Amino acid sequence: MDILIYSPDGKTAAYESGLAEHLPQANIRGWQPGDTAPADYLVLWKPNAEVLQPRERLKAIFNLGAGVDSVLGTGGEGAQRLPAGVPLVRLEDAGMADQMAQYVSAAALRYFRRLDDFDAQQAQAQWKFQKPNRLSDFPIAVLGYGTLGAHVAKALKTFGFPVRAWSRSERQDDSGVALFHGDAGFDACVGGARILVNLLPLTPQTVDVLNANLFAKLAQGAFLINVARGAHLVEADLLAALESGQIAGATLDVFRTEPLPADHPFWHAPRITVTPHISALTLRDETVAQIAGKIAAMARGEAITGIVDLARGY
């Protein structure tokens, strides 16, 4: 069994040694320019066109992340670069779900408990009561109900928030989260929400989904948490919604240009919290174990999960 690993920075040694521990029988190598030798499995992150050229014996491509837009492109155009008939497999958790739930819960609770208001009062040396919010008045809408979205929605539910979630196709579970799907269910999910959490995959259909039209459907003074992709957000629309008061504030972990340029207005917007794409980091040990397990299953002829629908982009 031959496994080829690609990273744009060339730093593949840790993944090579990690996979070797799980799959000692495998021949594992890091990609070098000009490498066209056969491989059974390709493990990669942000691939170039050369590494994606057809390769003898290739059975699957494993992406080192849950989102595959770095492979497929924002508009899905990258699907044409993939070797025909070779499945693309994404990470399904690898330690990210708990991190994401922690991050989103912290941001939601900070807004709900008015901690930013108290920070502002502290700066003015003001000892002042703020009327507490009621959980029943704070519906949260989560866009995206995959592995990460479902975990986040259920975590928010444990605090007592009324939680709704939207997905493209119908989902069912007994979590108590109100589930909506399809075009018909979108407005019902987001309408009147006090907090909007975006965990959608980036596809041609979801680019710019966080826009003025959507913001207008939320409750006056709603709060935005974007932990998916920067291309989901129309930045000018958010700044305008903050100015009008339709959006009270936002916590943003992802941006159209990363790192966020030093002159970007988000840095100095008083009601925007900026973090450097750290809401859910890929944990190497968990990632290696998941990929190794799926490679072993495929080698035994077993079906695996996480195969990307190239038409949908996730």
C-alpha atoms as a PDB file:
ATOM      1  CA  MET A   1       0.000   0.000   0.000  1.00  0.00           C
ATOM      2  CA  ASP A   2       1.432   3.392  -1.060  1.00  0.00           C
ATOM      3  CA  ILE A   3       0.258   6.611   0.595  1.00  0.00           C
ATOM      4  CA  LEU A   4       1.264  10.027  -0.766  1.00  0.00           C
ATOM      5  CA  ILE A   5       0.934  13.154   1.416  1.00  0.00           C
ATOM      6  CA  TYR A   6       0.824  16.736   0.126  1.00  0.00           C
ATOM      7  CA  SER A   7       0.960  20.068   1.939  1.00  0.00           C
ATOM      8  CA  PRO A   8       1.677  23.399   0.225  1.00  0.00           C
ATOM      9  CA  ASP A   9       4.393  24.168   2.776  1.00  0.00           C
ATOM     10  CA  GLY A  10       6.038  20.777   2.261  1.00  0.00           C
ATOM     11  CA  LYS A  11       5.775  19.934   5.969  1.00  0.00           C
ATOM     12  CA  THR A  12       4.411  16.398   5.864  1.00  0.00           C
ATOM     13  CA  ALA A  13       6.795  14.591   8.243  1.00  0.00           C
ATOM     14  CA  ALA A  14       4.411  14.604  11.216  1.00  0.00           C
ATOM     15  CA  TYR A  15       1.607  13.104   9.130  1.00  0.00           C
ATOM     16  CA  GLU A  16       3.994  10.570   7.611  1.00  0.00           C
ATOM     17  CA  SER A  17       5.120   9.322  11.014  1.00  0.00           C
ATOM     18  CA  GLY A  18       1.585   9.409  12.419  1.00  0.00           C
ATOM     19  CA  LEU A  19       0.137   7.326   9.608  1.00  0.00           C
ATOM     20  CA  ALA A  20       3.087   4.935   9.846  1.00  0.00           C
ATOM     21  CA  GLU A  21       2.162   4.175  13.454  1.00  0.00           C
ATOM     22  CA  HIS A  22      -1.372   3.191  12.437  1.00  0.00           C
ATOM     23  CA  LEU A  23      -0.451   1.548   9.124  1.00  0.00           C
ATOM     24  CA  PRO A  24       3.026   0.056   9.590  1.00  0.00           C
ATOM     25  CA  GLN A  25       2.674  -2.033   6.450  1.00  0.00           C
ATOM     26  CA  ALA A  26       2.231   1.049   4.231  1.00  0.00           C
ATOM     27  CA  ASN A  27       4.867   2.844   2.171  1.00  0.00           C
ATOM     28  CA  ILE A  28       4.351   6.528   2.995  1.00  0.00           C
ATOM     29  CA  ARG A  29       6.041   9.482   1.307  1.00  0.00           C
ATOM     30  CA  GLY A  30       5.703  13.228   1.137  1.00  0.00           C
ATOM     31  CA  TRP A  31       5.064  14.731  -2.291  1.00  0.00           C
ATOM     32  CA  GLN A  32       7.892  16.396  -4.156  1.00  0.00           C
ATOM     33  CA  PRO A  33       7.650  18.306  -7.452  1.00  0.00           C
ATOM     34  CA  GLY A  34       7.648  15.891 -10.349  1.00  0.00           C
ATOM     35  CA  ASP A  35       6.301  12.971  -8.305  1.00  0.00           C
ATOM     36  CA  THR A  36       4.037  11.018 -10.663  1.00  0.00           C
ATOM     37  CA  ALA A  37       4.690   7.581  -9.141  1.00  0.00           C
ATOM     38  CA  PRO A  38       1.741   5.305  -8.304  1.00  0.00           C
ATOM     39  CA  ALA A  39      -0.105   5.701  -5.012  1.00  0.00           C
ATOM     40  CA  ASP A  40      -3.117   3.959  -3.552  1.00  0.00           C
ATOM     41  CA  TYR A  41      -4.193   6.884  -1.367  1.00  0.00           C
ATOM     42  CA  LEU A  42      -3.529  10.628  -1.523  1.00  0.00           C
ATOM     43  CA  VAL A  43      -3.732  12.718   1.668  1.00  0.00           C
ATOM     44  CA  LEU A  44      -3.630  16.463   1.069  1.00  0.00           C
ATOM     45  CA  TRP A  45      -4.392  20.048   1.999  1.00  0.00           C
ATOM     46  CA  LYS A  46      -4.821  22.927  -0.516  1.00  0.00           C
ATOM     47  CA  PRO A  47      -3.486  20.898  -3.431  1.00  0.00           C
ATOM     48  CA  ASN A  48      -1.895  22.258  -6.585  1.00  0.00           C
ATOM     49  CA  ALA A  49      -2.859  20.999 -10.031  1.00  0.00           C
ATOM     50  CA  GLU A  50       0.251  18.828 -10.369  1.00  0.00           C
ATOM     51  CA  VAL A  51      -0.432  16.616  -7.371  1.00  0.00           C
ATOM     52  CA  LEU A  52      -4.001  16.035  -8.600  1.00  0.00           C
ATOM     53  CA  GLN A  53      -2.928  14.647 -11.963  1.00  0.00           C
ATOM     54  CA  PRO A  54      -4.180  11.077 -12.642  1.00  0.00           C
ATOM     55  CA  ARG A  55      -2.060   8.566 -10.764  1.00  0.00           C
ATOM     56  CA  GLU A  56      -1.896   4.813 -11.237  1.00  0.00           C
ATOM     57  CA  ARG A  57      -3.789   2.702  -8.644  1.00  0.00           C
ATOM     58  CA  LEU A  58      -5.290   5.741  -6.862  1.00  0.00           C
ATOM     59  CA  LYS A  59      -8.336   4.641  -4.837  1.00  0.00           C
ATOM     60  CA  ALA A  60      -9.202   7.734  -2.755  1.00  0.00           C
ATOM     61  CA  ILE A  61      -8.179  11.304  -1.940  1.00  0.00           C
ATOM     62  CA  PHE A  62      -8.374  12.375   1.717  1.00  0.00           C
ATOM     63  CA  ASN A  63      -8.701  16.075   2.526  1.00  0.00           C
ATOM     64  CA  LEU A  64      -7.067  17.302   5.749  1.00  0.00           C
ATOM     65  CA  GLY A  65     -10.101  19.341   6.743  1.00  0.00           C
ATOM     66  CA  ALA A  66     -13.882  19.236   6.993  1.00  0.00           C
ATOM     67  CA  GLY A  67     -14.400  21.889   4.308  1.00  0.00           C
ATOM     68  CA  VAL A  68     -13.349  20.931   0.786  1.00  0.00           C
ATOM     69  CA  ASP A  69     -13.584  24.342  -0.897  1.00  0.00           C
ATOM     70  CA  SER A  70      -9.761  24.455  -1.010  1.00  0.00           C
ATOM     71  CA  VAL A  71      -9.974  21.425  -3.316  1.00  0.00           C
ATOM     72  CA  LEU A  72     -13.171  22.132  -5.239  1.00  0.00           C
ATOM     73  CA  GLY A  73     -12.938  25.938  -5.341  1.00  0.00           C
ATOM     74  CA  THR A  74     -15.612  28.446  -4.354  1.00  0.00           C
ATOM     75  CA  GLY A  75     -17.655  27.710  -7.455  1.00  0.00           C
ATOM     76  CA  GLY A  76     -16.994  23.983  -7.592  1.00  0.00           C
ATOM     77  CA  GLU A  77     -14.732  24.440 -10.603  1.00  0.00           C
ATOM     78  CA  GLY A  78     -11.960  22.442  -8.942  1.00  0.00           C
ATOM     79  CA  ALA A  79     -13.950  19.218  -9.268  1.00  0.00           C
ATOM     80  CA  GLN A  80     -12.745  19.043 -12.867  1.00  0.00           C
ATOM     81  CA  ARG A  81      -9.154  18.758 -11.613  1.00  0.00           C
ATOM     82  CA  LEU A  82      -9.851  15.579  -9.664  1.00  0.00           C
ATOM     83  CA  PRO A  83      -8.950  12.220 -11.218  1.00  0.00           C
ATOM     84  CA  ALA A  84     -12.126  10.732 -12.678  1.00  0.00           C
ATOM     85  CA  GLY A  85     -13.862   8.180 -10.503  1.00  0.00           C
ATOM     86  CA  VAL A  86     -11.645   8.717  -7.448  1.00  0.00           C
ATOM     87  CA  PRO A  87     -13.671   9.631  -4.319  1.00  0.00           C
ATOM     88  CA  LEU A  88     -12.793  12.732  -2.318  1.00  0.00           C
ATOM     89  CA  VAL A  89     -13.142  12.126   1.440  1.00  0.00           C
ATOM     90  CA  ARG A  90     -13.433  14.903   4.042  1.00  0.00           C
ATOM     91  CA  LEU A  91     -12.759  14.912   7.772  1.00  0.00           C
ATOM     92  CA  GLU A  92     -15.925  14.388   9.791  1.00  0.00           C
ATOM     93  CA  ASP A  93     -14.774  15.644  13.189  1.00  0.00           C
ATOM     94  CA  ALA A  94     -11.185  14.941  14.241  1.00  0.00           C
ATOM     95  CA  GLY A  95     -11.596  16.903  17.457  1.00  0.00           C
ATOM     96  CA  MET A  96     -13.194  19.935  15.817  1.00  0.00           C
ATOM     97  CA  ALA A  97     -16.795  19.521  17.003  1.00  0.00           C
ATOM     98  CA  ASP A  98     -16.104  20.135  20.704  1.00  0.00           C
ATOM     99  CA  GLN A  99     -13.892  23.122  19.919  1.00  0.00           C
ATOM    100  CA  MET A 100     -16.550  24.624  17.677  1.00  0.00           C
ATOM    101  CA  ALA A 101     -19.271  24.141  20.276  1.00  0.00           C
ATOM    102  CA  GLN A 102     -17.097  25.822  22.904  1.00  0.00           C
ATOM    103  CA  TYR A 103     -16.311  28.790  20.663  1.00  0.00           C
ATOM    104  CA  VAL A 104     -19.883  29.388  19.506  1.00  0.00           C
ATOM    105  CA  SER A 105     -21.323  28.893  22.989  1.00  0.00           C
ATOM    106  CA  ALA A 106     -18.844  31.392  24.432  1.00  0.00           C
ATOM    107  CA  ALA A 107     -19.737  34.003  21.804  1.00  0.00           C
ATOM    108  CA  ALA A 108     -23.490  33.446  22.181  1.00  0.00           C
ATOM    109  CA  LEU A 109     -23.374  33.578  25.979  1.00  0.00           C
ATOM    110  CA  ARG A 110     -21.225  36.701  25.927  1.00  0.00           C
ATOM    111  CA  TYR A 111     -23.888  38.489  23.902  1.00  0.00           C
ATOM    112  CA  PHE A 112     -26.804  37.013  25.855  1.00  0.00           C
ATOM    113  CA  ARG A 113     -25.290  37.956  29.234  1.00  0.00           C
ATOM    114  CA  ARG A 114     -24.431  41.469  27.945  1.00  0.00           C
ATOM    115  CA  LEU A 115     -20.779  41.142  28.901  1.00  0.00           C
ATOM    116  CA  ASP A 116     -19.705  43.585  26.186  1.00  0.00           C
ATOM    117  CA  ASP A 117     -22.008  46.177  27.782  1.00  0.00           C
ATOM    118  CA  PHE A 118     -20.309  45.613  31.120  1.00  0.00           C
ATOM    119  CA  ASP A 119     -16.894  45.923  29.494  1.00  0.00           C
ATOM    120  CA  ALA A 120     -17.934  49.299  28.123  1.00  0.00           C
ATOM    121  CA  GLN A 121     -19.157  50.345  31.562  1.00  0.00           C
ATOM    122  CA  GLN A 122     -15.887  49.285  33.156  1.00  0.00           C
ATOM    123  CA  ALA A 123     -13.974  51.479  30.719  1.00  0.00           C
ATOM    124  CA  GLN A 124     -16.036  54.414  32.026  1.00  0.00           C
ATOM    125  CA  ALA A 125     -15.830  53.310  35.682  1.00  0.00           C
ATOM    126  CA  GLN A 126     -19.621  52.881  35.719  1.00  0.00           C
ATOM    127  CA  TRP A 127     -21.396  50.620  38.235  1.00  0.00           C
ATOM    128  CA  LYS A 128     -24.713  50.169  36.478  1.00  0.00           C
ATOM    129  CA  PHE A 129     -27.421  47.499  36.416  1.00  0.00           C
ATOM    130  CA  GLN A 130     -28.371  46.014  33.031  1.00  0.00           C
ATOM    131  CA  LYS A 131     -31.687  44.248  32.728  1.00  0.00           C
ATOM    132  CA  PRO A 132     -30.977  40.551  32.103  1.00  0.00           C
ATOM    133  CA  ASN A 133     -32.206  38.875  28.948  1.00  0.00           C
ATOM    134  CA  ARG A 134     -34.572  35.906  29.035  1.00  0.00           C
ATOM    135  CA  LEU A 135     -33.669  32.662  27.315  1.00  0.00           C
ATOM    136  CA  SER A 136     -37.154  32.327  25.890  1.00  0.00           C
ATOM    137  CA  ASP A 137     -36.646  35.633  24.068  1.00  0.00           C
ATOM    138  CA  PHE A 138     -33.399  34.499  22.458  1.00  0.00           C
ATOM    139  CA  PRO A 139     -34.026  32.018  19.621  1.00  0.00           C
ATOM    140  CA  ILE A 140     -30.818  30.933  17.938  1.00  0.00           C
ATOM    141  CA  ALA A 141     -30.715  29.881  14.282  1.00  0.00           C
ATOM    142  CA  VAL A 142     -27.887  27.594  13.168  1.00  0.00           C
ATOM    143  CA  LEU A 143     -27.270  27.399   9.423  1.00  0.00           C
ATOM    144  CA  GLY A 144     -25.821  23.992   8.579  1.00  0.00           C
ATOM    145  CA  TYR A 145     -26.686  20.771  10.410  1.00  0.00           C
ATOM    146  CA  GLY A 146     -23.840  18.467   9.494  1.00  0.00           C
ATOM    147  CA  THR A 147     -21.417  16.942  11.984  1.00  0.00           C
ATOM    148  CA  LEU A 148     -20.239  20.292  13.356  1.00  0.00           C
ATOM    149  CA  GLY A 149     -23.546  22.149  13.066  1.00  0.00           C
ATOM    150  CA  ALA A 150     -25.486  19.457  14.874  1.00  0.00           C
ATOM    151  CA  HIS A 151     -22.948  19.362  17.698  1.00  0.00           C
ATOM    152  CA  VAL A 152     -23.060  23.148  18.074  1.00  0.00           C
ATOM    153  CA  ALA A 153     -26.867  23.296  17.986  1.00  0.00           C
ATOM    154  CA  LYS A 154     -27.172  20.599  20.651  1.00  0.00           C
ATOM    155  CA  ALA A 155     -24.605  22.346  22.859  1.00  0.00           C
ATOM    156  CA  LEU A 156     -26.539  25.616  22.658  1.00  0.00           C
ATOM    157  CA  LYS A 157     -29.717  23.730  23.515  1.00  0.00           C
ATOM    158  CA  THR A 158     -28.213  22.580  26.824  1.00  0.00           C
ATOM    159  CA  PHE A 159     -28.067  26.216  28.005  1.00  0.00           C
ATOM    160  CA  GLY A 160     -31.825  26.535  27.524  1.00  0.00           C
ATOM    161  CA  PHE A 161     -31.852  28.545  24.300  1.00  0.00           C
ATOM    162  CA  PRO A 162     -34.629  27.842  21.813  1.00  0.00           C
ATOM    163  CA  VAL A 163     -32.499  26.480  18.961  1.00  0.00           C
ATOM    164  CA  ARG A 164     -33.455  26.070  15.325  1.00  0.00           C
ATOM    165  CA  ALA A 165     -31.264  24.622  12.591  1.00  0.00           C
ATOM    166  CA  TRP A 166     -31.425  24.604   8.810  1.00  0.00           C
ATOM    167  CA  SER A 167     -29.958  22.159   6.319  1.00  0.00           C
ATOM    168  CA  ARG A 168     -30.325  21.771   2.590  1.00  0.00           C
ATOM    169  CA  SER A 169     -31.856  18.309   2.893  1.00  0.00           C
ATOM    170  CA  GLU A 170     -34.131  16.934   5.578  1.00  0.00           C
ATOM    171  CA  ARG A 171     -32.575  15.738   8.851  1.00  0.00           C
ATOM    172  CA  GLN A 172     -34.236  14.034  11.798  1.00  0.00           C
ATOM    173  CA  ASP A 173     -33.121  13.456  15.374  1.00  0.00           C
ATOM    174  CA  ASP A 174     -34.483  13.608  18.925  1.00  0.00           C
ATOM    175  CA  SER A 175     -32.260  16.440  20.173  1.00  0.00           C
ATOM    176  CA  GLY A 176     -35.067  18.931  20.675  1.00  0.00           C
ATOM    177  CA  VAL A 177     -33.560  21.250  18.068  1.00  0.00           C
ATOM    178  CA  ALA A 178     -36.248  22.544  15.699  1.00  0.00           C
ATOM    179  CA  LEU A 179     -35.127  21.364  12.251  1.00  0.00           C
ATOM    180  CA  PHE A 180     -35.886  23.056   8.936  1.00  0.00           C
ATOM    181  CA  HIS A 181     -34.714  22.243   5.443  1.00  0.00           C
ATOM    182  CA  GLY A 182     -34.831  23.360   1.844  1.00  0.00           C
ATOM    183  CA  ASP A 183     -35.839  26.691   0.389  1.00  0.00           C
ATOM    184  CA  ALA A 184     -39.251  26.509   2.051  1.00  0.00           C
ATOM    185  CA  GLY A 185     -37.775  26.119   5.518  1.00  0.00           C
ATOM    186  CA  PHE A 186     -35.073  28.775   5.356  1.00  0.00           C
ATOM    187  CA  ASP A 187     -37.132  31.837   6.287  1.00  0.00           C
ATOM    188  CA  ALA A 188     -38.946  29.935   9.013  1.00  0.00           C
ATOM    189  CA  CYS A 189     -35.614  29.036  10.568  1.00  0.00           C
ATOM    190  CA  VAL A 190     -33.979  32.471  10.517  1.00  0.00           C
ATOM    191  CA  GLY A 191     -37.067  34.652  10.971  1.00  0.00           C
ATOM    192  CA  GLY A 192     -36.868  36.633  14.206  1.00  0.00           C
ATOM    193  CA  ALA A 193     -33.681  34.913  15.404  1.00  0.00           C
ATOM    194  CA  ARG A 194     -31.682  36.861  18.001  1.00  0.00           C
ATOM    195  CA  ILE A 195     -28.447  35.006  17.241  1.00  0.00           C
ATOM    196  CA  LEU A 196     -27.447  33.619  13.842  1.00  0.00           C
ATOM    197  CA  VAL A 197     -24.667  31.004  13.651  1.00  0.00           C
ATOM    198  CA  ASN A 198     -23.238  30.138  10.242  1.00  0.00           C
ATOM    199  CA  LEU A 199     -21.791  26.652   9.763  1.00  0.00           C
ATOM    200  CA  LEU A 200     -22.722  26.103   6.130  1.00  0.00           C
ATOM    201  CA  PRO A 201     -20.340  24.477   3.658  1.00  0.00           C
ATOM    202  CA  LEU A 202     -19.062  26.894   1.020  1.00  0.00           C
ATOM    203  CA  THR A 203     -20.727  26.085  -2.298  1.00  0.00           C
ATOM    204  CA  PRO A 204     -21.884  28.166  -5.272  1.00  0.00           C
ATOM    205  CA  GLN A 205     -25.329  28.291  -3.611  1.00  0.00           C
ATOM    206  CA  THR A 206     -24.042  29.599  -0.258  1.00  0.00           C
ATOM    207  CA  VAL A 207     -21.558  32.263  -1.372  1.00  0.00           C
ATOM    208  CA  ASP A 208     -22.731  35.658  -0.007  1.00  0.00           C
ATOM    209  CA  VAL A 209     -25.596  34.045   1.933  1.00  0.00           C
ATOM    210  CA  LEU A 210     -24.960  36.359   4.907  1.00  0.00           C
ATOM    211  CA  ASN A 211     -26.294  39.505   3.297  1.00  0.00           C
ATOM    212  CA  ALA A 212     -28.636  42.429   3.861  1.00  0.00           C
ATOM    213  CA  ASN A 213     -31.679  40.419   2.788  1.00  0.00           C
ATOM    214  CA  LEU A 214     -30.962  37.770   5.414  1.00  0.00           C
ATOM    215  CA  PHE A 215     -30.099  40.307   8.133  1.00  0.00           C
ATOM    216  CA  ALA A 216     -33.484  41.980   7.608  1.00  0.00           C
ATOM    217  CA  LYS A 217     -35.235  38.707   8.519  1.00  0.00           C
ATOM    218  CA  LEU A 218     -33.557  38.520  11.925  1.00  0.00           C
ATOM    219  CA  ALA A 219     -34.800  40.249  15.055  1.00  0.00           C
ATOM    220  CA  GLN A 220     -33.802  43.885  15.418  1.00  0.00           C
ATOM    221  CA  GLY A 221     -30.418  43.965  17.160  1.00  0.00           C
ATOM    222  CA  ALA A 222     -29.501  40.367  16.333  1.00  0.00           C
ATOM    223  CA  PHE A 223     -25.999  38.966  16.730  1.00  0.00           C
ATOM    224  CA  LEU A 224     -23.979  37.165  14.032  1.00  0.00           C
ATOM    225  CA  ILE A 225     -21.433  34.384  14.582  1.00  0.00           C
ATOM    226  CA  ASN A 226     -19.593  33.257  11.434  1.00  0.00           C
ATOM    227  CA  VAL A 227     -17.320  30.238  11.839  1.00  0.00           C
ATOM    228  CA  ALA A 228     -17.688  28.703   8.369  1.00  0.00           C
ATOM    229  CA  ARG A 229     -16.035  30.644   5.532  1.00  0.00           C
ATOM    230  CA  GLY A 230     -15.389  34.319   4.883  1.00  0.00           C
ATOM    231  CA  ALA A 231     -16.951  34.145   1.413  1.00  0.00           C
ATOM    232  CA  HIS A 232     -20.339  33.511   3.032  1.00  0.00           C
ATOM    233  CA  LEU A 233     -20.428  37.109   4.278  1.00  0.00           C
ATOM    234  CA  VAL A 234     -21.088  40.273   2.309  1.00  0.00           C
ATOM    235  CA  GLU A 235     -18.842  42.478   4.396  1.00  0.00           C
ATOM    236  CA  ALA A 236     -20.341  45.808   3.330  1.00  0.00           C
ATOM    237  CA  ASP A 237     -23.823  44.536   4.239  1.00  0.00           C
ATOM    238  CA  LEU A 238     -22.682  43.642   7.745  1.00  0.00           C
ATOM    239  CA  LEU A 239     -21.104  47.057   8.292  1.00  0.00           C
ATOM    240  CA  ALA A 240     -24.308  48.737   7.058  1.00  0.00           C
ATOM    241  CA  ALA A 241     -26.457  46.525   9.319  1.00  0.00           C
ATOM    242  CA  LEU A 242     -24.275  47.432  12.296  1.00  0.00           C
ATOM    243  CA  GLU A 243     -24.638  51.110  11.458  1.00  0.00           C
ATOM    244  CA  SER A 244     -28.438  50.855  11.259  1.00  0.00           C
ATOM    245  CA  GLY A 245     -28.717  48.741  14.425  1.00  0.00           C
ATOM    246  CA  GLN A 246     -30.306  45.780  12.643  1.00  0.00           C
ATOM    247  CA  ILE A 247     -27.225  43.811  13.721  1.00  0.00           C
ATOM    248  CA  ALA A 248     -26.016  44.606  17.242  1.00  0.00           C
ATOM    249  CA  GLY A 249     -22.665  42.882  16.938  1.00  0.00           C
ATOM    250  CA  ALA A 250     -20.746  40.002  15.420  1.00  0.00           C
ATOM    251  CA  THR A 251     -18.074  37.468  16.236  1.00  0.00           C
ATOM    252  CA  LEU A 252     -16.124  36.571  13.105  1.00  0.00           C
ATOM    253  CA  ASP A 253     -13.508  33.827  12.860  1.00  0.00           C
ATOM    254  CA  VAL A 254     -13.263  33.564   9.057  1.00  0.00           C
ATOM    255  CA  PHE A 255     -12.659  36.156   6.348  1.00  0.00           C
ATOM    256  CA  ARG A 256     -12.488  36.539   2.581  1.00  0.00           C
ATOM    257  CA  THR A 257      -8.802  37.403   2.846  1.00  0.00           C
ATOM    258  CA  GLU A 258      -6.738  35.648   5.501  1.00  0.00           C
ATOM    259  CA  PRO A 259      -4.791  36.929   7.311  1.00  0.00           C
ATOM    260  CA  LEU A 260      -7.215  39.833   7.619  1.00  0.00           C
ATOM    261  CA  PRO A 261      -5.454  42.911   6.167  1.00  0.00           C
ATOM    262  CA  ALA A 262      -4.287  45.435   8.757  1.00  0.00           C
ATOM    263  CA  ASP A 263      -6.353  48.205   7.151  1.00  0.00           C
ATOM    264  CA  HIS A 264      -9.612  46.212   7.102  1.00  0.00           C
ATOM    265  CA  PRO A 265     -12.501  48.045   8.842  1.00  0.00           C
ATOM    266  CA  PHE A 266     -13.409  44.960  10.882  1.00  0.00           C
ATOM    267  CA  TRP A 267     -10.310  45.472  13.043  1.00  0.00           C
ATOM    268  CA  HIS A 268     -11.596  48.772  14.379  1.00  0.00           C
ATOM    269  CA  ALA A 269     -15.364  48.166  14.389  1.00  0.00           C
ATOM    270  CA  PRO A 270     -16.265  48.353  18.105  1.00  0.00           C
ATOM    271  CA  ARG A 271     -19.027  45.759  17.875  1.00  0.00           C
ATOM    272  CA  ILE A 272     -17.093  43.153  15.900  1.00  0.00           C
ATOM    273  CA  THR A 273     -14.884  40.564  17.585  1.00  0.00           C
ATOM    274  CA  VAL A 274     -12.173  39.211  15.289  1.00  0.00           C
ATOM    275  CA  THR A 275     -10.354  35.919  15.856  1.00  0.00           C
ATOM    276  CA  PRO A 276      -7.752  34.415  13.457  1.00  0.00           C
ATOM    277  CA  HIS A 277      -9.578  31.292  12.169  1.00  0.00           C
ATOM    278  CA  ILE A 278      -9.133  29.364  15.414  1.00  0.00           C
ATOM    279  CA  SER A 279     -12.705  28.346  16.287  1.00  0.00           C
ATOM    280  CA  ALA A 280     -11.964  24.676  15.527  1.00  0.00           C
ATOM    281  CA  LEU A 281      -8.438  23.622  14.703  1.00  0.00           C
ATOM    282  CA  THR A 282      -7.715  20.295  13.064  1.00  0.00           C
ATOM    283  CA  LEU A 283      -6.072  18.092  15.692  1.00  0.00           C
ATOM    284  CA  ARG A 284      -3.319  16.024  14.090  1.00  0.00           C
ATOM    285  CA  ASP A 285      -3.585  12.853  16.196  1.00  0.00           C
ATOM    286  CA  GLU A 286      -7.362  12.634  15.746  1.00  0.00           C
ATOM    287  CA  THR A 287      -7.045  13.443  12.040  1.00  0.00           C
ATOM    288  CA  VAL A 288      -4.410  10.777  11.441  1.00  0.00           C
ATOM    289  CA  ALA A 289      -6.420   8.160  13.343  1.00  0.00           C
ATOM    290  CA  GLN A 290      -9.567   8.908  11.337  1.00  0.00           C
ATOM    291  CA  ILE A 291      -7.833   8.801   7.962  1.00  0.00           C
ATOM    292  CA  ALA A 292      -5.865   5.675   8.847  1.00  0.00           C
ATOM    293  CA  GLY A 293      -9.052   3.955   9.956  1.00  0.00           C
ATOM    294  CA  LYS A 294     -10.774   4.755   6.681  1.00  0.00           C
ATOM    295  CA  ILE A 295      -7.795   3.634   4.607  1.00  0.00           C
ATOM    296  CA  ALA A 296      -7.737   0.340   6.501  1.00  0.00           C
ATOM    297  CA  ALA A 297     -11.484  -0.083   5.958  1.00  0.00           C
ATOM    298  CA  MET A 298     -11.161   0.581   2.226  1.00  0.00           C
ATOM    299  CA  ALA A 299      -8.286  -1.902   2.018  1.00  0.00           C
ATOM    300  CA  ARG A 300     -10.631  -4.513   3.531  1.00  0.00           C
ATOM    301  CA  GLY A 301     -13.263  -3.660   0.952  1.00  0.00           C
ATOM    302  CA  GLU A 302     -15.563  -1.925   3.442  1.00  0.00           C
ATOM    303  CA  ALA A 303     -17.649   1.196   2.823  1.00  0.00           C
ATOM    304  CA  ILE A 304     -16.580   4.438   4.518  1.00  0.00           C
ATOM    305  CA  THR A 305     -18.335   7.681   5.417  1.00  0.00           C
ATOM    306  CA  GLY A 306     -17.319  11.250   4.587  1.00  0.00           C
ATOM    307  CA  ILE A 307     -17.260  10.834   0.797  1.00  0.00           C
ATOM    308  CA  VAL A 308     -17.966  14.221  -0.793  1.00  0.00           C
ATOM    309  CA  ASP A 309     -20.858  14.677  -3.205  1.00  0.00           C
ATOM    310  CA  LEU A 310     -19.031  16.677  -5.869  1.00  0.00           C
ATOM    311  CA  ALA A 311     -22.266  18.089  -7.256  1.00  0.00           C
ATOM    312  CA  ARG A 312     -23.212  19.536  -3.878  1.00  0.00           C
ATOM    313  CA  GLY A 313     -19.701  20.454  -2.793  1.00  0.00           C
ATOM    314  CA  TYR A 314     -19.787  18.715   0.612  1.00  0.00           C
END
